Amino acid sequence: MEKIGWGRFYGIGTGPGDPGLLTLRAAEVLRRVEVIFAAAARDNQSFSGGVVSALGGCRAERRSLPFTMAKNMADREEQWCRNAAAVTRELRQGRDCAFVTIGDPLLYSTFTYLMREVAELLPGVEIETVPGIMAFQDLAARFNLPTVEDRESLVIVPAWGRDDRFREKLAAADTVVLMKTSSDRAGLLAELEAAGFKGEIIYGARLGQEQETLCRGGGEIMAVEEQYLSLVIAKRSPERQAVGEKQKLKAKEA
């Protein structure tokens, strides 16, 4: 059977950007594999690759894979196939390979497309996903903001393509995470207000990196520059304040 001698393929979540949030399992695998693939960013720099560069003891060969965001799905699929072919060439030679991605490999990640194509080209290949900390978890932690409690519900929604389905998701959530809020921020805030989100609202961009931005409240959010790697967490109930905010209020009262 041709499978004998194939390498194993790993999808590695590197977290939101801070190398300190890389999991022990991810570090173990990255130090052991022979080839590490990463998606090339818009400026030809890989955010996930930057996290790997900060990891000591990683001696793997590094490769960049381009991923197009073309509106034509056929163009995207063609790029996925080319990238999968590059990975499978290494796997066929018995080399263990990893594809690194910011956040988690199975949530709004290019790894999911690559994984399917690799599995189709090499049926039976061993694939392991190593989960990563999501940006919204990091952002909530910065403000000590409980995302959900008791019977509350959390919804993660891409900020683009706002339509009736988008509004239905907002209507069903107690807390909403809006991913990639790089455009029409005023429109997004208006949508949240119309959906009844009157509680906490926090914003983060390029978390864990030198250019990171953190702010809370609609006014502060509107004042900062729009960035690609950004997100918003909004809570419906004004009674659910962040712990840090409560401490500030108590200090003022004292």
C-alpha atoms as a PDB file:
ATOM      1  CA  MET A   1       0.000   0.000   0.000  1.00  0.00           C
ATOM      2  CA  GLU A   2       1.380   3.367  -1.014  1.00  0.00           C
ATOM      3  CA  LYS A   3       0.707   4.840   2.426  1.00  0.00           C
ATOM      4  CA  ILE A   4       3.808   3.157   3.883  1.00  0.00           C
ATOM      5  CA  GLY A   5       6.430   5.763   4.667  1.00  0.00           C
ATOM      6  CA  TRP A   6       4.196   8.817   4.321  1.00  0.00           C
ATOM      7  CA  GLY A   7       4.695  11.683   6.703  1.00  0.00           C
ATOM      8  CA  ARG A   8       2.017  12.993   9.064  1.00  0.00           C
ATOM      9  CA  PHE A   9       0.272  16.313   8.423  1.00  0.00           C
ATOM     10  CA  TYR A  10      -0.425  18.670  11.328  1.00  0.00           C
ATOM     11  CA  GLY A  11      -2.653  21.734  11.495  1.00  0.00           C
ATOM     12  CA  ILE A  12      -1.230  23.950  14.245  1.00  0.00           C
ATOM     13  CA  GLY A  13      -3.063  26.835  15.910  1.00  0.00           C
ATOM     14  CA  THR A  14      -0.496  29.408  17.024  1.00  0.00           C
ATOM     15  CA  GLY A  15      -2.917  31.565  19.013  1.00  0.00           C
ATOM     16  CA  PRO A  16      -3.796  35.232  18.410  1.00  0.00           C
ATOM     17  CA  GLY A  17      -0.231  36.537  18.056  1.00  0.00           C
ATOM     18  CA  ASP A  18       1.606  36.421  21.371  1.00  0.00           C
ATOM     19  CA  PRO A  19       4.191  33.581  21.274  1.00  0.00           C
ATOM     20  CA  GLY A  20       3.509  33.073  24.985  1.00  0.00           C
ATOM     21  CA  LEU A  21       0.028  31.774  24.108  1.00  0.00           C
ATOM     22  CA  LEU A  22       1.373  28.940  21.952  1.00  0.00           C
ATOM     23  CA  THR A  23       0.362  25.644  23.568  1.00  0.00           C
ATOM     24  CA  LEU A  24       2.886  23.093  24.807  1.00  0.00           C
ATOM     25  CA  ARG A  25       1.560  20.540  22.296  1.00  0.00           C
ATOM     26  CA  ALA A  26       1.980  23.000  19.421  1.00  0.00           C
ATOM     27  CA  ALA A  27       5.550  23.772  20.494  1.00  0.00           C
ATOM     28  CA  GLU A  28       6.343  20.061  20.741  1.00  0.00           C
ATOM     29  CA  VAL A  29       5.118  19.333  17.220  1.00  0.00           C
ATOM     30  CA  LEU A  30       6.735  22.402  15.650  1.00  0.00           C
ATOM     31  CA  ARG A  31      10.119  21.422  17.095  1.00  0.00           C
ATOM     32  CA  ARG A  32       9.769  17.914  15.679  1.00  0.00           C
ATOM     33  CA  VAL A  33       8.363  18.277  12.153  1.00  0.00           C
ATOM     34  CA  GLU A  34      10.623  18.640   9.127  1.00  0.00           C
ATOM     35  CA  VAL A  35       8.639  21.193   7.108  1.00  0.00           C
ATOM     36  CA  ILE A  36       6.454  24.061   8.344  1.00  0.00           C
ATOM     37  CA  PHE A  37       4.053  25.722   5.913  1.00  0.00           C
ATOM     38  CA  ALA A  38       2.402  29.080   6.612  1.00  0.00           C
ATOM     39  CA  ALA A  39      -0.002  31.271   4.672  1.00  0.00           C
ATOM     40  CA  ALA A  40       1.646  34.338   3.189  1.00  0.00           C
ATOM     41  CA  ALA A  41      -0.017  37.530   4.443  1.00  0.00           C
ATOM     42  CA  ARG A  42      -0.972  40.516   2.308  1.00  0.00           C
ATOM     43  CA  ASP A  43       2.426  42.138   2.898  1.00  0.00           C
ATOM     44  CA  ASN A  44       4.238  38.807   2.321  1.00  0.00           C
ATOM     45  CA  GLN A  45       4.762  38.419   6.067  1.00  0.00           C
ATOM     46  CA  SER A  46       3.081  35.568   7.896  1.00  0.00           C
ATOM     47  CA  PHE A  47       1.561  36.384  11.298  1.00  0.00           C
ATOM     48  CA  SER A  48       1.546  32.737  12.331  1.00  0.00           C
ATOM     49  CA  GLY A  49       5.048  32.363  10.944  1.00  0.00           C
ATOM     50  CA  GLY A  50       6.165  35.192  13.201  1.00  0.00           C
ATOM     51  CA  VAL A  51       5.001  33.222  16.235  1.00  0.00           C
ATOM     52  CA  VAL A  52       6.982  30.202  15.035  1.00  0.00           C
ATOM     53  CA  SER A  53      10.082  32.357  14.563  1.00  0.00           C
ATOM     54  CA  ALA A  54       9.949  33.268  18.250  1.00  0.00           C
ATOM     55  CA  LEU A  55       9.923  29.595  19.248  1.00  0.00           C
ATOM     56  CA  GLY A  56      13.326  28.258  20.221  1.00  0.00           C
ATOM     57  CA  GLY A  57      14.534  24.872  19.022  1.00  0.00           C
ATOM     58  CA  CYS A  58      12.493  24.897  15.812  1.00  0.00           C
ATOM     59  CA  ARG A  59      14.748  23.620  12.996  1.00  0.00           C
ATOM     60  CA  ALA A  60      12.140  22.772  10.339  1.00  0.00           C
ATOM     61  CA  GLU A  61      12.350  23.992   6.763  1.00  0.00           C
ATOM     62  CA  ARG A  62      10.012  26.949   6.311  1.00  0.00           C
ATOM     63  CA  ARG A  63       7.693  27.407   3.311  1.00  0.00           C
ATOM     64  CA  SER A  64       5.110  30.078   2.449  1.00  0.00           C
ATOM     65  CA  LEU A  65       1.859  29.259   0.690  1.00  0.00           C
ATOM     66  CA  PRO A  66      -0.168  31.946  -1.104  1.00  0.00           C
ATOM     67  CA  PHE A  67      -3.925  31.953  -0.566  1.00  0.00           C
ATOM     68  CA  THR A  68      -6.124  34.114  -2.772  1.00  0.00           C
ATOM     69  CA  MET A  69      -9.238  35.887  -1.508  1.00  0.00           C
ATOM     70  CA  ALA A  70     -10.648  36.205  -5.025  1.00  0.00           C
ATOM     71  CA  LYS A  71     -14.430  36.438  -5.286  1.00  0.00           C
ATOM     72  CA  ASN A  72     -14.344  33.732  -7.950  1.00  0.00           C
ATOM     73  CA  MET A  73     -14.540  30.443  -6.022  1.00  0.00           C
ATOM     74  CA  ALA A  74     -12.910  28.548  -8.874  1.00  0.00           C
ATOM     75  CA  ASP A  75      -9.782  30.688  -8.489  1.00  0.00           C
ATOM     76  CA  ARG A  76      -9.703  29.943  -4.765  1.00  0.00           C
ATOM     77  CA  GLU A  77     -10.102  26.212  -5.306  1.00  0.00           C
ATOM     78  CA  GLU A  78      -7.303  26.209  -7.852  1.00  0.00           C
ATOM     79  CA  GLN A  79      -4.984  27.821  -5.305  1.00  0.00           C
ATOM     80  CA  TRP A  80      -6.018  25.319  -2.618  1.00  0.00           C
ATOM     81  CA  CYS A  81      -5.142  22.467  -4.995  1.00  0.00           C
ATOM     82  CA  ARG A  82      -1.717  23.932  -5.793  1.00  0.00           C
ATOM     83  CA  ASN A  83      -0.949  24.389  -2.095  1.00  0.00           C
ATOM     84  CA  ALA A  84      -2.127  20.873  -1.278  1.00  0.00           C
ATOM     85  CA  ALA A  85       0.103  19.488  -4.024  1.00  0.00           C
ATOM     86  CA  ALA A  86       3.101  21.259  -2.460  1.00  0.00           C
ATOM     87  CA  VAL A  87       2.312  19.701   0.926  1.00  0.00           C
ATOM     88  CA  THR A  88       1.673  16.203  -0.416  1.00  0.00           C
ATOM     89  CA  ARG A  89       4.994  16.168  -2.262  1.00  0.00           C
ATOM     90  CA  GLU A  90       6.722  16.441   1.106  1.00  0.00           C
ATOM     91  CA  LEU A  91       4.419  13.936   2.803  1.00  0.00           C
ATOM     92  CA  ARG A  92       5.051  11.337   0.086  1.00  0.00           C
ATOM     93  CA  GLN A  93       8.757  11.590   0.890  1.00  0.00           C
ATOM     94  CA  GLY A  94       8.053  10.610   4.487  1.00  0.00           C
ATOM     95  CA  ARG A  95       8.515  14.102   5.898  1.00  0.00           C
ATOM     96  CA  ASP A  96       6.223  15.221   8.724  1.00  0.00           C
ATOM     97  CA  CYS A  97       4.709  18.598   7.833  1.00  0.00           C
ATOM     98  CA  ALA A  98       2.801  21.280   9.710  1.00  0.00           C
ATOM     99  CA  PHE A  99       0.620  24.116   8.524  1.00  0.00           C
ATOM    100  CA  VAL A 100       0.466  26.964  11.037  1.00  0.00           C
ATOM    101  CA  THR A 101      -2.382  29.417  11.366  1.00  0.00           C
ATOM    102  CA  ILE A 102      -3.297  32.157  13.815  1.00  0.00           C
ATOM    103  CA  GLY A 103      -6.093  31.322  16.217  1.00  0.00           C
ATOM    104  CA  ASP A 104      -7.512  27.827  15.820  1.00  0.00           C
ATOM    105  CA  PRO A 105      -7.041  25.688  12.674  1.00  0.00           C
ATOM    106  CA  LEU A 106     -10.710  24.701  12.468  1.00  0.00           C
ATOM    107  CA  LEU A 107     -12.374  28.094  12.915  1.00  0.00           C
ATOM    108  CA  TYR A 108     -12.404  30.481   9.917  1.00  0.00           C
ATOM    109  CA  SER A 109      -9.020  29.079   8.912  1.00  0.00           C
ATOM    110  CA  THR A 110      -7.294  28.368   5.592  1.00  0.00           C
ATOM    111  CA  PHE A 111      -6.214  25.044   7.086  1.00  0.00           C
ATOM    112  CA  THR A 112      -9.678  23.536   6.610  1.00  0.00           C
ATOM    113  CA  TYR A 113      -9.476  23.965   2.824  1.00  0.00           C
ATOM    114  CA  LEU A 114      -5.926  22.658   2.705  1.00  0.00           C
ATOM    115  CA  MET A 115      -6.759  19.673   4.909  1.00  0.00           C
ATOM    116  CA  ARG A 116      -9.584  18.543   2.628  1.00  0.00           C
ATOM    117  CA  GLU A 117      -7.438  18.783  -0.490  1.00  0.00           C
ATOM    118  CA  VAL A 118      -4.519  16.922   1.104  1.00  0.00           C
ATOM    119  CA  ALA A 119      -6.866  14.153   2.292  1.00  0.00           C
ATOM    120  CA  GLU A 120      -8.239  13.847  -1.234  1.00  0.00           C
ATOM    121  CA  LEU A 121      -4.788  13.641  -2.813  1.00  0.00           C
ATOM    122  CA  LEU A 122      -3.512  11.180  -0.189  1.00  0.00           C
ATOM    123  CA  PRO A 123      -6.449   9.090   1.056  1.00  0.00           C
ATOM    124  CA  GLY A 124      -5.562   7.593   4.405  1.00  0.00           C
ATOM    125  CA  VAL A 125      -2.873  10.128   5.268  1.00  0.00           C
ATOM    126  CA  GLU A 126      -2.596  10.802   9.007  1.00  0.00           C
ATOM    127  CA  ILE A 127      -3.804  14.299   9.888  1.00  0.00           C
ATOM    128  CA  GLU A 128      -3.717  15.782  13.381  1.00  0.00           C
ATOM    129  CA  THR A 129      -5.149  19.134  14.411  1.00  0.00           C
ATOM    130  CA  VAL A 130      -3.560  20.957  17.337  1.00  0.00           C
ATOM    131  CA  PRO A 131      -6.042  23.572  18.634  1.00  0.00           C
ATOM    132  CA  GLY A 132      -5.027  27.138  19.360  1.00  0.00           C
ATOM    133  CA  ILE A 133      -6.290  29.957  21.583  1.00  0.00           C
ATOM    134  CA  MET A 134      -8.737  32.168  19.727  1.00  0.00           C
ATOM    135  CA  ALA A 135      -8.345  35.944  19.468  1.00  0.00           C
ATOM    136  CA  PHE A 136     -11.713  36.549  21.155  1.00  0.00           C
ATOM    137  CA  GLN A 137     -10.548  34.543  24.186  1.00  0.00           C
ATOM    138  CA  ASP A 138      -7.419  36.688  24.415  1.00  0.00           C
ATOM    139  CA  LEU A 139      -9.409  39.918  23.985  1.00  0.00           C
ATOM    140  CA  ALA A 140     -11.930  38.972  26.683  1.00  0.00           C
ATOM    141  CA  ALA A 141      -9.068  38.094  29.034  1.00  0.00           C
ATOM    142  CA  ARG A 142      -7.456  41.522  28.568  1.00  0.00           C
ATOM    143  CA  PHE A 143     -10.603  43.146  29.989  1.00  0.00           C
ATOM    144  CA  ASN A 144     -11.519  40.362  32.446  1.00  0.00           C
ATOM    145  CA  LEU A 145     -14.816  40.177  30.585  1.00  0.00           C
ATOM    146  CA  PRO A 146     -16.873  36.974  31.060  1.00  0.00           C
ATOM    147  CA  THR A 147     -18.071  36.050  27.592  1.00  0.00           C
ATOM    148  CA  VAL A 148     -21.047  33.976  28.761  1.00  0.00           C
ATOM    149  CA  GLU A 149     -22.451  32.880  32.115  1.00  0.00           C
ATOM    150  CA  ASP A 150     -25.226  30.561  33.272  1.00  0.00           C
ATOM    151  CA  ARG A 151     -27.592  30.049  30.292  1.00  0.00           C
ATOM    152  CA  GLU A 152     -26.279  32.852  28.115  1.00  0.00           C
ATOM    153  CA  SER A 153     -25.390  32.094  24.505  1.00  0.00           C
ATOM    154  CA  LEU A 154     -22.347  33.105  22.474  1.00  0.00           C
ATOM    155  CA  VAL A 155     -22.383  33.598  18.704  1.00  0.00           C
ATOM    156  CA  ILE A 156     -19.305  34.068  16.494  1.00  0.00           C
ATOM    157  CA  VAL A 157     -20.121  35.916  13.287  1.00  0.00           C
ATOM    158  CA  PRO A 158     -17.955  37.169  10.401  1.00  0.00           C
ATOM    159  CA  ALA A 159     -18.429  40.926  10.175  1.00  0.00           C
ATOM    160  CA  TRP A 160     -18.681  40.987   6.394  1.00  0.00           C
ATOM    161  CA  GLY A 161     -21.839  40.158   4.432  1.00  0.00           C
ATOM    162  CA  ARG A 162     -24.363  41.713   6.792  1.00  0.00           C
ATOM    163  CA  ASP A 163     -27.797  40.510   5.747  1.00  0.00           C
ATOM    164  CA  ASP A 164     -30.972  39.077   7.289  1.00  0.00           C
ATOM    165  CA  ARG A 165     -29.105  35.940   8.349  1.00  0.00           C
ATOM    166  CA  PHE A 166     -26.496  38.091  10.094  1.00  0.00           C
ATOM    167  CA  ARG A 167     -29.226  39.949  11.997  1.00  0.00           C
ATOM    168  CA  GLU A 168     -30.952  36.699  12.961  1.00  0.00           C
ATOM    169  CA  LYS A 169     -27.711  35.516  14.572  1.00  0.00           C
ATOM    170  CA  LEU A 170     -27.403  38.763  16.520  1.00  0.00           C
ATOM    171  CA  ALA A 171     -30.992  38.468  17.710  1.00  0.00           C
ATOM    172  CA  ALA A 172     -30.330  34.986  19.134  1.00  0.00           C
ATOM    173  CA  ALA A 173     -27.154  35.846  21.085  1.00  0.00           C
ATOM    174  CA  ASP A 174     -26.450  37.244  24.535  1.00  0.00           C
ATOM    175  CA  THR A 175     -22.829  37.850  23.549  1.00  0.00           C
ATOM    176  CA  VAL A 176     -21.566  38.266  20.006  1.00  0.00           C
ATOM    177  CA  VAL A 177     -18.048  38.050  18.602  1.00  0.00           C
ATOM    178  CA  LEU A 178     -17.604  39.897  15.312  1.00  0.00           C
ATOM    179  CA  MET A 179     -14.538  38.689  13.415  1.00  0.00           C
ATOM    180  CA  LYS A 180     -12.471  40.803  10.987  1.00  0.00           C
ATOM    181  CA  THR A 181     -14.124  44.169  11.551  1.00  0.00           C
ATOM    182  CA  SER A 182     -11.840  46.070   9.190  1.00  0.00           C
ATOM    183  CA  SER A 183     -14.480  47.983   7.252  1.00  0.00           C
ATOM    184  CA  ASP A 184     -17.653  50.021   7.896  1.00  0.00           C
ATOM    185  CA  ARG A 185     -17.173  50.066  11.648  1.00  0.00           C
ATOM    186  CA  ALA A 186     -19.923  52.646  12.048  1.00  0.00           C
ATOM    187  CA  GLY A 187     -22.305  50.283  10.301  1.00  0.00           C
ATOM    188  CA  LEU A 188     -21.326  47.428  12.582  1.00  0.00           C
ATOM    189  CA  LEU A 189     -21.900  49.499  15.717  1.00  0.00           C
ATOM    190  CA  ALA A 190     -25.278  50.589  14.366  1.00  0.00           C
ATOM    191  CA  GLU A 191     -26.227  46.955  13.760  1.00  0.00           C
ATOM    192  CA  LEU A 192     -25.291  46.060  17.347  1.00  0.00           C
ATOM    193  CA  GLU A 193     -27.308  48.944  18.776  1.00  0.00           C
ATOM    194  CA  ALA A 194     -30.314  48.038  16.653  1.00  0.00           C
ATOM    195  CA  ALA A 195     -30.062  44.442  17.868  1.00  0.00           C
ATOM    196  CA  GLY A 196     -30.207  45.587  21.487  1.00  0.00           C
ATOM    197  CA  PHE A 197     -26.583  45.204  22.577  1.00  0.00           C
ATOM    198  CA  LYS A 198     -26.485  47.778  25.382  1.00  0.00           C
ATOM    199  CA  GLY A 199     -23.778  46.241  27.575  1.00  0.00           C
ATOM    200  CA  GLU A 200     -20.008  46.011  27.252  1.00  0.00           C
ATOM    201  CA  ILE A 201     -18.372  46.403  23.858  1.00  0.00           C
ATOM    202  CA  ILE A 202     -14.630  45.877  23.440  1.00  0.00           C
ATOM    203  CA  TYR A 203     -12.316  45.967  20.444  1.00  0.00           C
ATOM    204  CA  GLY A 204      -8.924  44.472  19.667  1.00  0.00           C
ATOM    205  CA  ALA A 205      -6.616  44.465  16.648  1.00  0.00           C
ATOM    206  CA  ARG A 206      -3.344  42.624  15.949  1.00  0.00           C
ATOM    207  CA  LEU A 207      -3.381  41.120  19.432  1.00  0.00           C
ATOM    208  CA  GLY A 208      -0.005  40.139  20.805  1.00  0.00           C
ATOM    209  CA  GLN A 209       1.876  42.118  18.167  1.00  0.00           C
ATOM    210  CA  GLU A 210       3.738  45.429  18.350  1.00  0.00           C
ATOM    211  CA  GLN A 211       0.919  47.319  16.636  1.00  0.00           C
ATOM    212  CA  GLU A 212      -1.868  45.900  18.816  1.00  0.00           C
ATOM    213  CA  THR A 213      -4.850  48.088  19.691  1.00  0.00           C
ATOM    214  CA  LEU A 214      -7.219  47.660  22.632  1.00  0.00           C
ATOM    215  CA  CYS A 215     -10.208  49.841  23.456  1.00  0.00           C
ATOM    216  CA  ARG A 216     -13.744  49.761  24.859  1.00  0.00           C
ATOM    217  CA  GLY A 217     -16.930  51.637  24.098  1.00  0.00           C
ATOM    218  CA  GLY A 218     -18.311  52.848  20.788  1.00  0.00           C
ATOM    219  CA  GLY A 219     -16.582  56.231  20.952  1.00  0.00           C
ATOM    220  CA  GLU A 220     -13.105  54.785  21.443  1.00  0.00           C
ATOM    221  CA  ILE A 221     -13.690  52.114  18.817  1.00  0.00           C
ATOM    222  CA  MET A 222     -14.711  54.686  16.206  1.00  0.00           C
ATOM    223  CA  ALA A 223     -11.592  56.743  16.942  1.00  0.00           C
ATOM    224  CA  VAL A 224      -9.017  54.047  16.110  1.00  0.00           C
ATOM    225  CA  GLU A 225      -7.754  53.178  12.653  1.00  0.00           C
ATOM    226  CA  GLU A 226      -9.460  50.270  10.918  1.00  0.00           C
ATOM    227  CA  GLN A 227      -7.238  47.179  10.757  1.00  0.00           C
ATOM    228  CA  TYR A 228      -7.549  43.813   9.033  1.00  0.00           C
ATOM    229  CA  LEU A 229      -6.852  41.557  12.025  1.00  0.00           C
ATOM    230  CA  SER A 230      -9.502  43.011  14.308  1.00  0.00           C
ATOM    231  CA  LEU A 231     -12.549  41.894  16.232  1.00  0.00           C
ATOM    232  CA  VAL A 232     -15.332  43.137  18.505  1.00  0.00           C
ATOM    233  CA  ILE A 233     -17.026  41.487  21.485  1.00  0.00           C
ATOM    234  CA  ALA A 234     -20.400  42.907  22.497  1.00  0.00           C
ATOM    235  CA  LYS A 235     -22.714  41.915  25.338  1.00  0.00           C
ATOM    236  CA  ARG A 236     -26.443  42.461  25.305  1.00  0.00           C
ATOM    237  CA  SER A 237     -26.988  43.121  29.018  1.00  0.00           C
ATOM    238  CA  PRO A 238     -25.602  46.298  30.616  1.00  0.00           C
ATOM    239  CA  GLU A 239     -25.584  44.437  33.953  1.00  0.00           C
ATOM    240  CA  ARG A 240     -22.615  42.310  32.845  1.00  0.00           C
ATOM    241  CA  GLN A 241     -19.679  44.649  33.380  1.00  0.00           C
ATOM    242  CA  ALA A 242     -16.062  43.607  33.124  1.00  0.00           C
ATOM    243  CA  VAL A 243     -14.424  42.971  36.495  1.00  0.00           C
ATOM    244  CA  GLY A 244     -11.854  45.671  35.827  1.00  0.00           C
ATOM    245  CA  GLU A 245     -14.591  48.238  35.234  1.00  0.00           C
ATOM    246  CA  LYS A 246     -16.317  47.331  38.500  1.00  0.00           C
ATOM    247  CA  GLN A 247     -13.055  47.763  40.364  1.00  0.00           C
ATOM    248  CA  LYS A 248     -12.651  51.231  38.889  1.00  0.00           C
ATOM    249  CA  LEU A 249     -16.165  52.217  39.980  1.00  0.00           C
ATOM    250  CA  LYS A 250     -15.550  50.957  43.533  1.00  0.00           C
ATOM    251  CA  ALA A 251     -12.281  52.892  43.710  1.00  0.00           C
ATOM    252  CA  LYS A 252     -14.065  56.101  42.703  1.00  0.00           C
ATOM    253  CA  GLU A 253     -16.803  55.564  45.282  1.00  0.00           C
ATOM    254  CA  ALA A 254     -14.169  54.988  48.004  1.00  0.00           C
END
